Amino acid sequence: RTGPIEHAPLDVTAVVQNRSATALRNVRVDLFLGANVVGQQLVDLGPDEQLTVPFRIAAPPAGLHWGEVRLEGDGFAEDDRFYYALRTVTPVHVLLVDGDPGTSLFDSEIFYLLNALQPRGVLGRPLFYPKPIPWEGVEQERLSDYQVIVLCNVEALTAQVRQRLYQFVLEGGGLFFFAGNRVDPVRYNAMFYRSDTLLLPLALGQPTQRQQEQPIAIGT
């Protein structure tokens, strides 16, 4: 399930080339989506010059679409069009599993992630549909309703839930683990690494203690 998200800004780049020995001015480049022109640019091309032409459009509703890039006629129409196909998708449904909900959303394990998945910007439309739940609620969820599941500092899960998560990943779902004070490496390795529900890419080691003011560098 990949592709641009419906209604989100979409950058499209066309590459045009003048293969003649004559400079061309004000060549019109049209971007079509279906039968509609959704972008237009005028470009100048020197002899044998190649140029990238950028367009920014709103991605169409979820589904499979066709379009074309078209140059105004130059006497050889066979190379004046380029056809393309575009598949767009709905916003991603994300299940956020909170392993330590706390007494308020601000104190929870998912507060910052939930806000990151709901940006308040100029898009005007969501890119994600996050649903927060406490860790006890996983068993009641239909996992096939989501494309991504995030386990945030979840201490443990039943064998049945682990098997459902394993099947979810086998069918193409995305699974993220965020560790915390409730995650015990020995228990996690037994549940997700040294088991028939292999969901960790490698075994977890013991956490290391660092001075609070000491910077952390990747690879150290």
C-alpha atoms as a PDB file:
ATOM      1  CA  ARG A   1       0.000   0.000   0.000  1.00  0.00           C
ATOM      2  CA  THR A   2       2.154   2.798  -1.308  1.00  0.00           C
ATOM      3  CA  GLY A   3       1.540   5.983  -3.207  1.00  0.00           C
ATOM      4  CA  PRO A   4       0.732   9.645  -2.660  1.00  0.00           C
ATOM      5  CA  ILE A   5      -1.972  10.396  -0.110  1.00  0.00           C
ATOM      6  CA  GLU A   6      -5.181  11.744  -1.577  1.00  0.00           C
ATOM      7  CA  HIS A   7      -5.633  15.553  -1.565  1.00  0.00           C
ATOM      8  CA  ALA A   8      -2.102  16.128  -0.231  1.00  0.00           C
ATOM      9  CA  PRO A   9       0.356  18.336  -2.176  1.00  0.00           C
ATOM     10  CA  LEU A  10       2.087  16.309  -4.866  1.00  0.00           C
ATOM     11  CA  ASP A  11       5.255  17.335  -6.706  1.00  0.00           C
ATOM     12  CA  VAL A  12       5.499  16.140 -10.312  1.00  0.00           C
ATOM     13  CA  THR A  13       8.621  16.660 -12.402  1.00  0.00           C
ATOM     14  CA  ALA A  14       8.690  16.373 -16.189  1.00  0.00           C
ATOM     15  CA  VAL A  15      11.933  16.128 -18.165  1.00  0.00           C
ATOM     16  CA  VAL A  16      11.906  17.676 -21.632  1.00  0.00           C
ATOM     17  CA  GLN A  17      14.703  17.858 -24.173  1.00  0.00           C
ATOM     18  CA  ASN A  18      15.296  19.818 -27.350  1.00  0.00           C
ATOM     19  CA  ARG A  19      17.057  17.466 -29.733  1.00  0.00           C
ATOM     20  CA  SER A  20      17.329  20.015 -32.516  1.00  0.00           C
ATOM     21  CA  ALA A  21      20.075  22.511 -33.324  1.00  0.00           C
ATOM     22  CA  THR A  22      17.645  25.419 -32.930  1.00  0.00           C
ATOM     23  CA  ALA A  23      16.811  27.205 -29.715  1.00  0.00           C
ATOM     24  CA  LEU A  24      13.148  27.132 -28.680  1.00  0.00           C
ATOM     25  CA  ARG A  25      11.385  29.817 -26.687  1.00  0.00           C
ATOM     26  CA  ASN A  26       8.114  29.792 -24.745  1.00  0.00           C
ATOM     27  CA  VAL A  27       7.441  26.115 -25.277  1.00  0.00           C
ATOM     28  CA  ARG A  28       4.238  25.242 -23.427  1.00  0.00           C
ATOM     29  CA  VAL A  29       4.344  22.148 -21.228  1.00  0.00           C
ATOM     30  CA  ASP A  30       0.951  20.935 -20.014  1.00  0.00           C
ATOM     31  CA  LEU A  31       0.368  18.452 -17.212  1.00  0.00           C
ATOM     32  CA  PHE A  32      -2.848  16.474 -17.581  1.00  0.00           C
ATOM     33  CA  LEU A  33      -4.613  14.429 -14.934  1.00  0.00           C
ATOM     34  CA  GLY A  34      -7.232  12.450 -16.774  1.00  0.00           C
ATOM     35  CA  ALA A  35      -8.694  14.821 -19.360  1.00  0.00           C
ATOM     36  CA  ASN A  36      -8.008  17.973 -17.306  1.00  0.00           C
ATOM     37  CA  VAL A  37      -5.023  20.305 -17.426  1.00  0.00           C
ATOM     38  CA  VAL A  38      -3.769  20.667 -13.845  1.00  0.00           C
ATOM     39  CA  GLY A  39      -0.493  22.472 -14.554  1.00  0.00           C
ATOM     40  CA  GLN A  40       1.139  24.552 -17.248  1.00  0.00           C
ATOM     41  CA  GLN A  41       4.630  25.973 -17.735  1.00  0.00           C
ATOM     42  CA  LEU A  42       6.434  27.943 -20.447  1.00  0.00           C
ATOM     43  CA  VAL A  43      10.081  27.003 -20.925  1.00  0.00           C
ATOM     44  CA  ASP A  44      13.018  28.020 -23.094  1.00  0.00           C
ATOM     45  CA  LEU A  45      15.252  25.287 -24.493  1.00  0.00           C
ATOM     46  CA  GLY A  46      18.626  25.761 -26.082  1.00  0.00           C
ATOM     47  CA  PRO A  47      19.967  23.420 -28.786  1.00  0.00           C
ATOM     48  CA  ASP A  48      20.143  19.859 -27.401  1.00  0.00           C
ATOM     49  CA  GLU A  49      19.271  21.160 -23.930  1.00  0.00           C
ATOM     50  CA  GLN A  50      17.493  19.026 -21.328  1.00  0.00           C
ATOM     51  CA  LEU A  51      15.335  20.714 -18.698  1.00  0.00           C
ATOM     52  CA  THR A  52      13.318  19.613 -15.677  1.00  0.00           C
ATOM     53  CA  VAL A  53       9.880  21.215 -15.378  1.00  0.00           C
ATOM     54  CA  PRO A  54       8.338  21.166 -11.860  1.00  0.00           C
ATOM     55  CA  PHE A  55       4.635  21.072 -11.091  1.00  0.00           C
ATOM     56  CA  ARG A  56       2.813  21.026  -7.762  1.00  0.00           C
ATOM     57  CA  ILE A  57      -0.737  19.734  -7.708  1.00  0.00           C
ATOM     58  CA  ALA A  58      -3.214  18.307  -5.209  1.00  0.00           C
ATOM     59  CA  ALA A  59      -3.219  14.512  -5.315  1.00  0.00           C
ATOM     60  CA  PRO A  60      -6.540  13.191  -6.646  1.00  0.00           C
ATOM     61  CA  PRO A  61      -8.906  11.003  -4.568  1.00  0.00           C
ATOM     62  CA  ALA A  62      -7.723   7.509  -3.674  1.00  0.00           C
ATOM     63  CA  GLY A  63      -7.607   5.209  -6.683  1.00  0.00           C
ATOM     64  CA  LEU A  64      -5.819   4.599  -9.961  1.00  0.00           C
ATOM     65  CA  HIS A  65      -5.504   7.565 -12.308  1.00  0.00           C
ATOM     66  CA  TRP A  66      -3.910   8.254 -15.675  1.00  0.00           C
ATOM     67  CA  GLY A  67      -2.437  11.398 -17.116  1.00  0.00           C
ATOM     68  CA  GLU A  68       0.065  12.802 -19.547  1.00  0.00           C
ATOM     69  CA  VAL A  69       2.684  15.465 -20.054  1.00  0.00           C
ATOM     70  CA  ARG A  70       2.122  17.217 -23.360  1.00  0.00           C
ATOM     71  CA  LEU A  71       4.226  19.677 -25.357  1.00  0.00           C
ATOM     72  CA  GLU A  72       2.686  22.055 -27.827  1.00  0.00           C
ATOM     73  CA  GLY A  73       3.034  20.734 -31.383  1.00  0.00           C
ATOM     74  CA  ASP A  74       6.413  20.997 -33.045  1.00  0.00           C
ATOM     75  CA  GLY A  75       5.789  19.111 -36.284  1.00  0.00           C
ATOM     76  CA  PHE A  76       6.671  15.700 -34.833  1.00  0.00           C
ATOM     77  CA  ALA A  77       3.762  14.811 -32.591  1.00  0.00           C
ATOM     78  CA  GLU A  78       4.955  11.273 -31.831  1.00  0.00           C
ATOM     79  CA  ASP A  79       7.392  12.461 -29.126  1.00  0.00           C
ATOM     80  CA  ASP A  80       5.305  15.322 -27.743  1.00  0.00           C
ATOM     81  CA  ARG A  81       3.419  13.251 -25.167  1.00  0.00           C
ATOM     82  CA  PHE A  82       4.365  11.109 -22.201  1.00  0.00           C
ATOM     83  CA  TYR A  83       1.694   9.030 -20.471  1.00  0.00           C
ATOM     84  CA  TYR A  84       1.791   8.010 -16.821  1.00  0.00           C
ATOM     85  CA  ALA A  85      -0.281   6.164 -14.240  1.00  0.00           C
ATOM     86  CA  LEU A  86      -0.753   7.292 -10.658  1.00  0.00           C
ATOM     87  CA  ARG A  87      -2.188   5.427  -7.698  1.00  0.00           C
ATOM     88  CA  THR A  88      -3.205   7.462  -4.670  1.00  0.00           C
ATOM     89  CA  VAL A  89      -4.189   6.122  -1.255  1.00  0.00           C
ATOM     90  CA  THR A  90      -6.231   7.206   1.734  1.00  0.00           C
ATOM     91  CA  PRO A  91      -4.514   8.571   4.863  1.00  0.00           C
ATOM     92  CA  VAL A  92      -2.713   5.916   6.888  1.00  0.00           C
ATOM     93  CA  HIS A  93      -4.641   4.452   9.819  1.00  0.00           C
ATOM     94  CA  VAL A  94      -2.296   4.108  12.795  1.00  0.00           C
ATOM     95  CA  LEU A  95      -3.003   2.281  16.056  1.00  0.00           C
ATOM     96  CA  LEU A  96      -1.081   3.803  18.967  1.00  0.00           C
ATOM     97  CA  VAL A  97      -0.843   1.378  21.880  1.00  0.00           C
ATOM     98  CA  ASP A  98      -0.023   3.175  25.121  1.00  0.00           C
ATOM     99  CA  GLY A  99       1.878   1.017  27.597  1.00  0.00           C
ATOM    100  CA  ASP A 100       1.720   3.591  30.394  1.00  0.00           C
ATOM    101  CA  PRO A 101      -1.255   5.950  29.942  1.00  0.00           C
ATOM    102  CA  GLY A 102      -0.611   7.962  33.094  1.00  0.00           C
ATOM    103  CA  THR A 103      -3.206  10.262  34.605  1.00  0.00           C
ATOM    104  CA  SER A 104      -3.556  12.514  31.538  1.00  0.00           C
ATOM    105  CA  LEU A 105      -2.745  12.483  27.827  1.00  0.00           C
ATOM    106  CA  PHE A 106       0.243  14.763  28.476  1.00  0.00           C
ATOM    107  CA  ASP A 107       1.672  12.159  30.881  1.00  0.00           C
ATOM    108  CA  SER A 108       1.101   9.276  28.474  1.00  0.00           C
ATOM    109  CA  GLU A 109       3.621   7.460  26.303  1.00  0.00           C
ATOM    110  CA  ILE A 110       1.969   8.605  23.082  1.00  0.00           C
ATOM    111  CA  PHE A 111       1.438  12.351  23.628  1.00  0.00           C
ATOM    112  CA  TYR A 112       4.225  13.612  21.357  1.00  0.00           C
ATOM    113  CA  LEU A 113       3.743  10.923  18.722  1.00  0.00           C
ATOM    114  CA  LEU A 114       0.009  11.618  18.571  1.00  0.00           C
ATOM    115  CA  ASN A 115       0.681  15.315  17.991  1.00  0.00           C
ATOM    116  CA  ALA A 116       3.323  14.562  15.360  1.00  0.00           C
ATOM    117  CA  LEU A 117       0.803  12.490  13.420  1.00  0.00           C
ATOM    118  CA  GLN A 118      -1.721  15.343  13.498  1.00  0.00           C
ATOM    119  CA  PRO A 119       0.260  18.332  12.185  1.00  0.00           C
ATOM    120  CA  ARG A 120      -1.562  21.627  12.152  1.00  0.00           C
ATOM    121  CA  GLY A 121      -0.265  23.048   8.911  1.00  0.00           C
ATOM    122  CA  VAL A 122      -1.381  24.383   5.579  1.00  0.00           C
ATOM    123  CA  LEU A 123      -2.436  21.024   4.162  1.00  0.00           C
ATOM    124  CA  GLY A 124      -5.929  21.244   5.568  1.00  0.00           C
ATOM    125  CA  ARG A 125      -6.368  17.481   5.257  1.00  0.00           C
ATOM    126  CA  PRO A 126      -4.980  14.642   7.393  1.00  0.00           C
ATOM    127  CA  LEU A 127      -2.090  12.443   6.350  1.00  0.00           C
ATOM    128  CA  PHE A 128      -2.735   9.996   9.193  1.00  0.00           C
ATOM    129  CA  TYR A 129      -5.688   8.758  11.202  1.00  0.00           C
ATOM    130  CA  PRO A 130      -4.132   7.854  14.581  1.00  0.00           C
ATOM    131  CA  LYS A 131      -6.177   6.016  17.187  1.00  0.00           C
ATOM    132  CA  PRO A 132      -4.772   5.919  20.748  1.00  0.00           C
ATOM    133  CA  ILE A 133      -5.690   3.043  23.042  1.00  0.00           C
ATOM    134  CA  PRO A 134      -4.346   1.676  26.349  1.00  0.00           C
ATOM    135  CA  TRP A 135      -2.381  -1.543  26.032  1.00  0.00           C
ATOM    136  CA  GLU A 136      -5.252  -3.573  27.526  1.00  0.00           C
ATOM    137  CA  GLY A 137      -7.445  -2.635  24.554  1.00  0.00           C
ATOM    138  CA  VAL A 138      -5.385  -4.378  21.874  1.00  0.00           C
ATOM    139  CA  GLU A 139      -7.317  -7.615  22.181  1.00  0.00           C
ATOM    140  CA  GLN A 140     -10.562  -5.863  21.194  1.00  0.00           C
ATOM    141  CA  GLU A 141      -9.101  -4.206  18.093  1.00  0.00           C
ATOM    142  CA  ARG A 142      -9.436  -5.558  14.570  1.00  0.00           C
ATOM    143  CA  LEU A 143      -5.852  -5.141  13.413  1.00  0.00           C
ATOM    144  CA  SER A 144      -6.765  -5.302   9.733  1.00  0.00           C
ATOM    145  CA  ASP A 145      -8.352  -1.841  10.126  1.00  0.00           C
ATOM    146  CA  TYR A 146      -4.854  -0.331  10.372  1.00  0.00           C
ATOM    147  CA  GLN A 147      -1.798  -0.046   8.204  1.00  0.00           C
ATOM    148  CA  VAL A 148       0.609   0.670  11.075  1.00  0.00           C
ATOM    149  CA  ILE A 149       0.680  -0.331  14.746  1.00  0.00           C
ATOM    150  CA  VAL A 150       2.950   1.361  17.284  1.00  0.00           C
ATOM    151  CA  LEU A 151       3.712  -0.246  20.645  1.00  0.00           C
ATOM    152  CA  CYS A 152       4.797   2.505  23.042  1.00  0.00           C
ATOM    153  CA  ASN A 153       6.515   1.178  26.156  1.00  0.00           C
ATOM    154  CA  VAL A 154       4.205  -1.836  26.311  1.00  0.00           C
ATOM    155  CA  GLU A 155       5.306  -4.204  29.057  1.00  0.00           C
ATOM    156  CA  ALA A 156       3.880  -7.484  27.729  1.00  0.00           C
ATOM    157  CA  LEU A 157       1.266  -8.941  25.401  1.00  0.00           C
ATOM    158  CA  THR A 158      -0.574 -12.238  25.487  1.00  0.00           C
ATOM    159  CA  ALA A 159       0.433 -15.068  23.175  1.00  0.00           C
ATOM    160  CA  GLN A 160      -2.779 -14.602  21.206  1.00  0.00           C
ATOM    161  CA  VAL A 161      -2.115 -10.897  20.584  1.00  0.00           C
ATOM    162  CA  ARG A 162       1.499 -11.616  19.630  1.00  0.00           C
ATOM    163  CA  GLN A 163       0.318 -14.165  17.074  1.00  0.00           C
ATOM    164  CA  ARG A 164      -2.145 -11.656  15.630  1.00  0.00           C
ATOM    165  CA  LEU A 165       0.620  -9.048  15.385  1.00  0.00           C
ATOM    166  CA  TYR A 166       2.850 -11.582  13.667  1.00  0.00           C
ATOM    167  CA  GLN A 167       0.140 -12.314  11.101  1.00  0.00           C
ATOM    168  CA  PHE A 168      -0.445  -8.573  10.678  1.00  0.00           C
ATOM    169  CA  VAL A 169       3.206  -8.053   9.744  1.00  0.00           C
ATOM    170  CA  LEU A 170       3.234 -11.096   7.438  1.00  0.00           C
ATOM    171  CA  GLU A 171       0.337  -9.529   5.537  1.00  0.00           C
ATOM    172  CA  GLY A 172       2.236  -6.292   5.009  1.00  0.00           C
ATOM    173  CA  GLY A 173       1.385  -4.219   8.074  1.00  0.00           C
ATOM    174  CA  GLY A 174       3.952  -1.958   9.703  1.00  0.00           C
ATOM    175  CA  LEU A 175       4.936  -2.479  13.340  1.00  0.00           C
ATOM    176  CA  PHE A 176       6.997  -0.086  15.479  1.00  0.00           C
ATOM    177  CA  PHE A 177       8.402  -0.696  18.950  1.00  0.00           C
ATOM    178  CA  PHE A 178       9.242   2.185  21.274  1.00  0.00           C
ATOM    179  CA  ALA A 179      11.070   1.062  24.403  1.00  0.00           C
ATOM    180  CA  GLY A 180      10.806   2.596  27.852  1.00  0.00           C
ATOM    181  CA  ASN A 181      10.998   1.807  31.533  1.00  0.00           C
ATOM    182  CA  ARG A 182       8.384  -0.961  31.208  1.00  0.00           C
ATOM    183  CA  VAL A 183      10.272  -2.835  28.500  1.00  0.00           C
ATOM    184  CA  ASP A 184      12.404  -5.636  29.915  1.00  0.00           C
ATOM    185  CA  PRO A 185      14.900  -6.907  27.313  1.00  0.00           C
ATOM    186  CA  VAL A 186      14.780 -10.505  28.566  1.00  0.00           C
ATOM    187  CA  ARG A 187      10.988 -10.622  28.396  1.00  0.00           C
ATOM    188  CA  TYR A 188      10.881  -8.901  24.988  1.00  0.00           C
ATOM    189  CA  ASN A 189      13.454 -11.272  23.523  1.00  0.00           C
ATOM    190  CA  ALA A 190      11.397 -14.213  24.763  1.00  0.00           C
ATOM    191  CA  MET A 191       8.200 -12.767  23.264  1.00  0.00           C
ATOM    192  CA  PHE A 192       9.428 -11.301  19.985  1.00  0.00           C
ATOM    193  CA  TYR A 193      12.868 -12.723  19.156  1.00  0.00           C
ATOM    194  CA  ARG A 194      13.413 -16.199  20.538  1.00  0.00           C
ATOM    195  CA  SER A 195       9.887 -17.369  19.757  1.00  0.00           C
ATOM    196  CA  ASP A 196       7.596 -18.358  16.908  1.00  0.00           C
ATOM    197  CA  THR A 197       6.456 -14.717  16.712  1.00  0.00           C
ATOM    198  CA  LEU A 198       9.763 -13.294  15.492  1.00  0.00           C
ATOM    199  CA  LEU A 199       9.075  -9.567  15.216  1.00  0.00           C
ATOM    200  CA  LEU A 200      12.328  -8.027  16.435  1.00  0.00           C
ATOM    201  CA  PRO A 201      15.153  -7.716  13.872  1.00  0.00           C
ATOM    202  CA  LEU A 202      17.712  -8.467  16.610  1.00  0.00           C
ATOM    203  CA  ALA A 203      17.855  -9.266  20.294  1.00  0.00           C
ATOM    204  CA  LEU A 204      17.530  -6.404  22.750  1.00  0.00           C
ATOM    205  CA  GLY A 205      20.460  -5.714  25.050  1.00  0.00           C
ATOM    206  CA  GLN A 206      20.430  -4.249  28.518  1.00  0.00           C
ATOM    207  CA  PRO A 207      19.926  -0.470  28.726  1.00  0.00           C
ATOM    208  CA  THR A 208      22.998   1.633  29.409  1.00  0.00           C
ATOM    209  CA  GLN A 209      23.208   4.462  31.907  1.00  0.00           C
ATOM    210  CA  ARG A 210      24.487   7.829  30.693  1.00  0.00           C
ATOM    211  CA  GLN A 211      24.997  11.155  32.366  1.00  0.00           C
ATOM    212  CA  GLN A 212      22.016  13.394  31.661  1.00  0.00           C
ATOM    213  CA  GLU A 213      24.159  16.201  30.242  1.00  0.00           C
ATOM    214  CA  GLN A 214      26.242  13.835  28.090  1.00  0.00           C
ATOM    215  CA  PRO A 215      25.257  14.040  24.411  1.00  0.00           C
ATOM    216  CA  ILE A 216      24.235  10.855  22.623  1.00  0.00           C
ATOM    217  CA  ALA A 217      25.771  10.104  19.224  1.00  0.00           C
ATOM    218  CA  ILE A 218      24.568   7.426  16.847  1.00  0.00           C
ATOM    219  CA  GLY A 219      27.085   4.582  16.604  1.00  0.00           C
ATOM    220  CA  THR A 220      28.534   4.994  20.108  1.00  0.00           C
END
